[in-house]
Amino acid sequence: MPHHAEALPANLAEYQAVSLILLGRKDDMRNPATTETSPAERPALRSSEPILFSLLVVDFVLFASGAVAHMGLPIPLGFGTWNETFLVPAAIVEGVGALALGATLVSLVVGAIWSRRVAWWALWYCFAGVLWGMGRLALGSIPAAHTVSNDFLHIAMTLVTTLALVRLASLRD
């Protein structure tokens, strides 16, 4: 009996080696540091990247609230009410930006392969849109929209979108 008990670990090791060969794996999956994974098998980005995910959530809230505010709807803040001038172009640009950021967040949560590409497109669209809005404000083409709250909104959007782009760029392979 002791002879069979000593042979069991060797047989178990041989069984594991054969099963790994049949599965096409070069190394044991319990050691992820030495396991080779092709770039196509790796998810592009995961929602477990907390800094980027948080920046995208803040950016989504900024763009969605900007779209709602520029539709002329008052937004209660608890300590006051945020009212902005009714601006259809700003509401459209910020609304599309919020939709793009929302799609990006969903793609990150589900772990879609294309989430990095969607994040790039959404963030660059938001960046271009907010710069266009700031340019129009700087030129004075919409004097009624030149409010302190709108200026702070555009500054916050620029800052958060830029930080998200930098963070996303730092995650590239």
C-alpha atoms as a PDB file:
ATOM      1  CA  MET A   1       0.000   0.000   0.000  1.00  0.00           C
ATOM      2  CA  PRO A   2       2.664   2.615   0.822  1.00  0.00           C
ATOM      3  CA  HIS A   3       4.129   2.092  -2.633  1.00  0.00           C
ATOM      4  CA  HIS A   4       0.856   3.205  -4.301  1.00  0.00           C
ATOM      5  CA  ALA A   5       0.533   6.231  -2.006  1.00  0.00           C
ATOM      6  CA  GLU A   6       3.974   7.471  -3.048  1.00  0.00           C
ATOM      7  CA  ALA A   7       3.154   7.077  -6.743  1.00  0.00           C
ATOM      8  CA  LEU A   8      -0.016   9.176  -6.497  1.00  0.00           C
ATOM      9  CA  PRO A   9       1.614  12.627  -6.445  1.00  0.00           C
ATOM     10  CA  ALA A  10       3.744  11.751  -9.472  1.00  0.00           C
ATOM     11  CA  ASN A  11       0.663  10.557 -11.336  1.00  0.00           C
ATOM     12  CA  LEU A  12      -1.223  13.683 -10.301  1.00  0.00           C
ATOM     13  CA  ALA A  13       1.632  15.879 -11.538  1.00  0.00           C
ATOM     14  CA  GLU A  14       1.733  13.985 -14.816  1.00  0.00           C
ATOM     15  CA  TYR A  15      -2.040  14.340 -15.137  1.00  0.00           C
ATOM     16  CA  GLN A  16      -1.767  18.129 -14.627  1.00  0.00           C
ATOM     17  CA  ALA A  17       1.049  18.402 -17.168  1.00  0.00           C
ATOM     18  CA  VAL A  18      -0.885  16.413 -19.774  1.00  0.00           C
ATOM     19  CA  SER A  19      -4.077  18.399 -19.169  1.00  0.00           C
ATOM     20  CA  LEU A  20      -2.191  21.695 -19.542  1.00  0.00           C
ATOM     21  CA  ILE A  21      -0.655  20.487 -22.796  1.00  0.00           C
ATOM     22  CA  LEU A  22      -4.065  19.377 -24.100  1.00  0.00           C
ATOM     23  CA  LEU A  23      -5.565  22.745 -23.144  1.00  0.00           C
ATOM     24  CA  GLY A  24      -2.769  24.520 -24.982  1.00  0.00           C
ATOM     25  CA  ARG A  25      -1.395  26.294 -21.941  1.00  0.00           C
ATOM     26  CA  LYS A  26       2.323  26.587 -21.533  1.00  0.00           C
ATOM     27  CA  ASP A  27       2.308  27.159 -17.794  1.00  0.00           C
ATOM     28  CA  ASP A  28       0.153  26.547 -14.779  1.00  0.00           C
ATOM     29  CA  MET A  29      -2.633  29.141 -14.446  1.00  0.00           C
ATOM     30  CA  ARG A  30      -1.943  29.428 -10.719  1.00  0.00           C
ATOM     31  CA  ASN A  31       1.172  31.449 -11.545  1.00  0.00           C
ATOM     32  CA  PRO A  32      -0.090  34.492 -13.482  1.00  0.00           C
ATOM     33  CA  ALA A  33       3.349  36.138 -13.517  1.00  0.00           C
ATOM     34  CA  THR A  34       4.674  33.529 -15.944  1.00  0.00           C
ATOM     35  CA  THR A  35       1.497  32.857 -17.903  1.00  0.00           C
ATOM     36  CA  GLU A  36       1.658  34.249 -21.411  1.00  0.00           C
ATOM     37  CA  THR A  37      -1.481  35.969 -22.603  1.00  0.00           C
ATOM     38  CA  SER A  38      -1.841  37.490 -26.039  1.00  0.00           C
ATOM     39  CA  PRO A  39      -2.968  41.139 -26.215  1.00  0.00           C
ATOM     40  CA  ALA A  40      -6.179  40.050 -27.956  1.00  0.00           C
ATOM     41  CA  GLU A  41      -7.125  37.876 -24.972  1.00  0.00           C
ATOM     42  CA  ARG A  42      -6.554  40.663 -22.446  1.00  0.00           C
ATOM     43  CA  PRO A  43      -9.495  42.967 -21.828  1.00  0.00           C
ATOM     44  CA  ALA A  44      -8.728  46.467 -23.069  1.00  0.00           C
ATOM     45  CA  LEU A  45      -9.688  48.179 -19.851  1.00  0.00           C
ATOM     46  CA  ARG A  46     -11.633  47.251 -16.771  1.00  0.00           C
ATOM     47  CA  SER A  47     -13.828  49.222 -14.445  1.00  0.00           C
ATOM     48  CA  SER A  48     -11.393  48.083 -11.742  1.00  0.00           C
ATOM     49  CA  GLU A  49      -9.194  51.032 -12.835  1.00  0.00           C
ATOM     50  CA  PRO A  50     -10.639  53.270 -10.106  1.00  0.00           C
ATOM     51  CA  ILE A  51      -8.990  56.578 -10.999  1.00  0.00           C
ATOM     52  CA  LEU A  52     -10.114  56.553 -14.622  1.00  0.00           C
ATOM     53  CA  PHE A  53     -13.552  55.228 -13.719  1.00  0.00           C
ATOM     54  CA  SER A  54     -14.018  57.987 -11.107  1.00  0.00           C
ATOM     55  CA  LEU A  55     -12.912  60.689 -13.547  1.00  0.00           C
ATOM     56  CA  LEU A  56     -15.356  59.387 -16.153  1.00  0.00           C
ATOM     57  CA  VAL A  57     -18.208  59.386 -13.625  1.00  0.00           C
ATOM     58  CA  VAL A  58     -17.439  62.998 -12.600  1.00  0.00           C
ATOM     59  CA  ASP A  59     -17.166  64.025 -16.267  1.00  0.00           C
ATOM     60  CA  PHE A  60     -20.481  62.303 -17.023  1.00  0.00           C
ATOM     61  CA  VAL A  61     -22.175  64.183 -14.166  1.00  0.00           C
ATOM     62  CA  LEU A  62     -20.704  67.506 -15.339  1.00  0.00           C
ATOM     63  CA  PHE A  63     -21.796  67.031 -18.960  1.00  0.00           C
ATOM     64  CA  ALA A  64     -25.244  65.673 -18.062  1.00  0.00           C
ATOM     65  CA  SER A  65     -25.930  68.496 -15.606  1.00  0.00           C
ATOM     66  CA  GLY A  66     -24.623  71.043 -18.126  1.00  0.00           C
ATOM     67  CA  ALA A  67     -26.985  69.659 -20.770  1.00  0.00           C
ATOM     68  CA  VAL A  68     -29.942  69.815 -18.398  1.00  0.00           C
ATOM     69  CA  ALA A  69     -29.028  73.328 -17.221  1.00  0.00           C
ATOM     70  CA  HIS A  70     -28.647  74.614 -20.789  1.00  0.00           C
ATOM     71  CA  MET A  71     -32.104  73.275 -21.618  1.00  0.00           C
ATOM     72  CA  GLY A  72     -33.329  75.935 -19.216  1.00  0.00           C
ATOM     73  CA  LEU A  73     -34.269  73.548 -16.418  1.00  0.00           C
ATOM     74  CA  PRO A  74     -33.339  74.702 -12.906  1.00  0.00           C
ATOM     75  CA  ILE A  75     -31.180  72.233 -10.963  1.00  0.00           C
ATOM     76  CA  PRO A  76     -31.672  72.245  -7.175  1.00  0.00           C
ATOM     77  CA  LEU A  77     -28.339  71.917  -5.372  1.00  0.00           C
ATOM     78  CA  GLY A  78     -29.529  71.866  -1.770  1.00  0.00           C
ATOM     79  CA  PHE A  79     -27.983  75.242  -0.910  1.00  0.00           C
ATOM     80  CA  GLY A  80     -29.452  77.009  -3.936  1.00  0.00           C
ATOM     81  CA  THR A  81     -30.723  76.471  -7.454  1.00  0.00           C
ATOM     82  CA  TRP A  82     -28.528  76.424 -10.540  1.00  0.00           C
ATOM     83  CA  ASN A  83     -30.101  78.307 -13.455  1.00  0.00           C
ATOM     84  CA  GLU A  84     -28.426  78.722 -16.827  1.00  0.00           C
ATOM     85  CA  THR A  85     -29.443  80.444 -20.023  1.00  0.00           C
ATOM     86  CA  PHE A  86     -31.426  78.336 -22.493  1.00  0.00           C
ATOM     87  CA  LEU A  87     -28.868  77.385 -25.190  1.00  0.00           C
ATOM     88  CA  VAL A  88     -29.820  74.669 -27.654  1.00  0.00           C
ATOM     89  CA  PRO A  89     -26.307  74.200 -29.164  1.00  0.00           C
ATOM     90  CA  ALA A  90     -24.720  73.853 -25.710  1.00  0.00           C
ATOM     91  CA  ALA A  91     -27.442  71.457 -24.579  1.00  0.00           C
ATOM     92  CA  ILE A  92     -26.880  69.300 -27.681  1.00  0.00           C
ATOM     93  CA  VAL A  93     -23.069  69.231 -27.417  1.00  0.00           C
ATOM     94  CA  GLU A  94     -23.123  68.508 -23.688  1.00  0.00           C
ATOM     95  CA  GLY A  95     -25.964  65.985 -24.052  1.00  0.00           C
ATOM     96  CA  VAL A  96     -24.113  64.031 -26.747  1.00  0.00           C
ATOM     97  CA  GLY A  97     -20.989  64.183 -24.566  1.00  0.00           C
ATOM     98  CA  ALA A  98     -22.951  62.802 -21.607  1.00  0.00           C
ATOM     99  CA  LEU A  99     -24.337  59.987 -23.790  1.00  0.00           C
ATOM    100  CA  ALA A 100     -20.847  59.136 -25.053  1.00  0.00           C
ATOM    101  CA  LEU A 101     -19.452  59.128 -21.512  1.00  0.00           C
ATOM    102  CA  GLY A 102     -22.389  56.976 -20.373  1.00  0.00           C
ATOM    103  CA  ALA A 103     -21.671  54.469 -23.156  1.00  0.00           C
ATOM    104  CA  THR A 104     -18.016  54.483 -22.092  1.00  0.00           C
ATOM    105  CA  LEU A 105     -18.927  53.755 -18.481  1.00  0.00           C
ATOM    106  CA  VAL A 106     -21.214  50.898 -19.527  1.00  0.00           C
ATOM    107  CA  SER A 107     -18.507  49.418 -21.770  1.00  0.00           C
ATOM    108  CA  LEU A 108     -16.029  49.562 -18.887  1.00  0.00           C
ATOM    109  CA  VAL A 109     -18.432  47.870 -16.491  1.00  0.00           C
ATOM    110  CA  VAL A 110     -19.184  45.006 -18.876  1.00  0.00           C
ATOM    111  CA  GLY A 111     -15.495  44.694 -19.829  1.00  0.00           C
ATOM    112  CA  ALA A 112     -15.993  45.157 -23.572  1.00  0.00           C
ATOM    113  CA  ILE A 113     -12.906  44.821 -25.749  1.00  0.00           C
ATOM    114  CA  TRP A 114     -13.694  48.123 -27.449  1.00  0.00           C
ATOM    115  CA  SER A 115     -14.036  50.125 -24.213  1.00  0.00           C
ATOM    116  CA  ARG A 116     -10.669  51.865 -24.654  1.00  0.00           C
ATOM    117  CA  ARG A 117     -11.588  53.037 -28.152  1.00  0.00           C
ATOM    118  CA  VAL A 118     -14.972  54.336 -26.957  1.00  0.00           C
ATOM    119  CA  ALA A 119     -13.272  56.131 -24.070  1.00  0.00           C
ATOM    120  CA  TRP A 120     -10.854  57.877 -26.459  1.00  0.00           C
ATOM    121  CA  TRP A 121     -13.617  59.001 -28.816  1.00  0.00           C
ATOM    122  CA  ALA A 122     -15.899  60.158 -25.998  1.00  0.00           C
ATOM    123  CA  LEU A 123     -13.199  62.085 -24.166  1.00  0.00           C
ATOM    124  CA  TRP A 124     -11.849  63.774 -27.291  1.00  0.00           C
ATOM    125  CA  TYR A 125     -15.386  64.721 -28.352  1.00  0.00           C
ATOM    126  CA  CYS A 126     -16.022  66.192 -24.891  1.00  0.00           C
ATOM    127  CA  PHE A 127     -12.696  68.019 -24.944  1.00  0.00           C
ATOM    128  CA  ALA A 128     -13.385  69.554 -28.363  1.00  0.00           C
ATOM    129  CA  GLY A 129     -16.958  70.439 -27.379  1.00  0.00           C
ATOM    130  CA  VAL A 130     -15.997  72.207 -24.182  1.00  0.00           C
ATOM    131  CA  LEU A 131     -13.212  74.135 -25.944  1.00  0.00           C
ATOM    132  CA  TRP A 132     -15.690  75.185 -28.626  1.00  0.00           C
ATOM    133  CA  GLY A 133     -18.044  76.432 -25.903  1.00  0.00           C
ATOM    134  CA  MET A 134     -15.267  78.273 -24.096  1.00  0.00           C
ATOM    135  CA  GLY A 135     -14.172  79.840 -27.379  1.00  0.00           C
ATOM    136  CA  ARG A 136     -17.675  81.096 -28.067  1.00  0.00           C
ATOM    137  CA  LEU A 137     -17.855  82.537 -24.564  1.00  0.00           C
ATOM    138  CA  ALA A 138     -14.448  84.203 -24.946  1.00  0.00           C
ATOM    139  CA  LEU A 139     -15.484  85.784 -28.250  1.00  0.00           C
ATOM    140  CA  GLY A 140     -18.624  87.130 -26.608  1.00  0.00           C
ATOM    141  CA  SER A 141     -20.969  85.519 -29.127  1.00  0.00           C
ATOM    142  CA  ILE A 142     -23.404  84.574 -26.345  1.00  0.00           C
ATOM    143  CA  PRO A 143     -23.278  87.370 -23.736  1.00  0.00           C
ATOM    144  CA  ALA A 144     -26.204  85.967 -21.721  1.00  0.00           C
ATOM    145  CA  ALA A 145     -24.307  82.692 -21.181  1.00  0.00           C
ATOM    146  CA  HIS A 146     -21.255  84.395 -19.730  1.00  0.00           C
ATOM    147  CA  THR A 147     -22.051  83.617 -16.095  1.00  0.00           C
ATOM    148  CA  VAL A 148     -19.794  82.615 -13.229  1.00  0.00           C
ATOM    149  CA  SER A 149     -21.470  79.210 -12.933  1.00  0.00           C
ATOM    150  CA  ASN A 150     -21.078  78.538 -16.668  1.00  0.00           C
ATOM    151  CA  ASP A 151     -17.415  79.575 -16.540  1.00  0.00           C
ATOM    152  CA  PHE A 152     -16.793  77.231 -13.601  1.00  0.00           C
ATOM    153  CA  LEU A 153     -18.674  74.445 -15.397  1.00  0.00           C
ATOM    154  CA  HIS A 154     -16.445  74.797 -18.466  1.00  0.00           C
ATOM    155  CA  ILE A 155     -13.285  74.951 -16.357  1.00  0.00           C
ATOM    156  CA  ALA A 156     -14.320  71.828 -14.417  1.00  0.00           C
ATOM    157  CA  MET A 157     -15.197  69.985 -17.652  1.00  0.00           C
ATOM    158  CA  THR A 158     -11.831  70.910 -19.176  1.00  0.00           C
ATOM    159  CA  LEU A 159      -9.913  69.860 -16.083  1.00  0.00           C
ATOM    160  CA  VAL A 160     -11.677  66.516 -15.558  1.00  0.00           C
ATOM    161  CA  THR A 161     -11.663  65.609 -19.267  1.00  0.00           C
ATOM    162  CA  THR A 162      -7.946  66.421 -19.518  1.00  0.00           C
ATOM    163  CA  LEU A 163      -7.149  64.350 -16.430  1.00  0.00           C
ATOM    164  CA  ALA A 164      -9.167  61.433 -17.823  1.00  0.00           C
ATOM    165  CA  LEU A 165      -7.327  61.648 -21.162  1.00  0.00           C
ATOM    166  CA  VAL A 166      -3.957  61.696 -19.386  1.00  0.00           C
ATOM    167  CA  ARG A 167      -4.945  58.743 -17.198  1.00  0.00           C
ATOM    168  CA  LEU A 168      -6.206  56.797 -20.203  1.00  0.00           C
ATOM    169  CA  ALA A 169      -2.965  57.527 -22.073  1.00  0.00           C
ATOM    170  CA  SER A 170      -0.939  56.271 -19.106  1.00  0.00           C
ATOM    171  CA  LEU A 171      -2.758  52.916 -19.297  1.00  0.00           C
ATOM    172  CA  ARG A 172      -1.730  52.240 -22.887  1.00  0.00           C
ATOM    173  CA  ASP A 173       0.436  49.199 -23.562  1.00  0.00           C
END
